[in-house]
Amino acid sequence: MITRSNVSMESTIKNAAELTRAKQFKLARKLMSDAGVCYFTIERVLYEPHNIRSTD
């Protein structure tokens, strides 16, 4: 298991996942992109918000 060490990035991902669940896809993508989240993570959060790591 990979543990995130960046609390700010963790918060960004969780907020984006919530936006995705609320069908705010463009806003979630922008939030992550502006925060420097890598492309593959953005895709995972947008297409599989139920699969984000809950143990971090």
Protein backbone atom coordinates (compact mmCIF):
# COMPACT_ATOMS: atom_id res chain seq x y z
CA MET A 1 0.00 0.00 0.00
CA ILE A 2 1.22 3.47 -0.85
CA THR A 3 0.81 6.06 1.89
CA ARG A 4 0.38 9.69 0.94
CA SER A 5 2.73 12.00 2.77
CA ASN A 6 1.24 15.22 1.45
CA VAL A 7 -1.78 16.21 3.52
CA SER A 8 -2.68 19.01 1.12
CA MET A 9 -2.77 16.63 -1.86
CA GLU A 10 -4.83 14.15 0.14
CA SER A 11 -7.38 16.87 0.90
CA THR A 12 -7.48 17.90 -2.76
CA ILE A 13 -8.15 14.32 -3.89
CA LYS A 14 -10.90 13.81 -1.31
CA ASN A 15 -12.57 17.11 -2.23
CA ALA A 16 -12.38 16.24 -5.93
CA ALA A 17 -13.92 12.83 -5.27
CA GLU A 18 -16.82 14.50 -3.47
CA LEU A 19 -17.27 16.90 -6.39
CA THR A 20 -17.24 13.92 -8.77
CA ARG A 21 -19.92 12.15 -6.75
CA ALA A 22 -21.97 15.37 -7.02
CA LYS A 23 -21.46 15.27 -10.81
CA GLN A 24 -19.28 18.40 -10.79
CA PHE A 25 -16.71 16.80 -13.11
CA LYS A 26 -15.24 19.95 -14.65
CA LEU A 27 -14.76 21.57 -11.26
CA ALA A 28 -13.18 18.40 -9.82
CA ARG A 29 -10.79 18.15 -12.78
CA LYS A 30 -9.82 21.81 -12.49
CA LEU A 31 -9.24 21.51 -8.75
CA MET A 32 -6.90 18.56 -9.23
CA SER A 33 -5.15 19.97 -12.27
CA ASP A 34 -4.49 23.28 -10.52
CA ALA A 35 -3.06 21.38 -7.54
CA GLY A 36 -0.63 19.46 -9.76
CA VAL A 37 -2.28 16.06 -9.52
CA CYS A 38 -0.96 13.69 -12.18
CA TYR A 39 -3.16 12.83 -15.17
CA PHE A 40 -3.64 9.17 -14.21
CA THR A 41 -4.82 10.09 -10.73
CA ILE A 42 -7.24 12.64 -12.16
CA GLU A 43 -8.70 9.94 -14.41
CA ARG A 44 -9.02 7.50 -11.51
CA VAL A 45 -10.82 10.02 -9.33
CA LEU A 46 -13.15 11.15 -12.13
CA TYR A 47 -14.04 7.68 -13.39
CA GLU A 48 -13.79 5.68 -10.16
CA PRO A 49 -14.43 7.98 -7.18
CA HIS A 50 -15.52 4.96 -5.12
CA ASN A 51 -11.98 3.54 -5.44
CA ILE A 52 -9.99 6.33 -3.80
CA ARG A 53 -7.77 5.24 -0.94
CA SER A 54 -9.63 5.48 2.33
CA THR A 55 -6.74 4.44 4.56
CA ASP A 56 -4.53 7.48 3.93
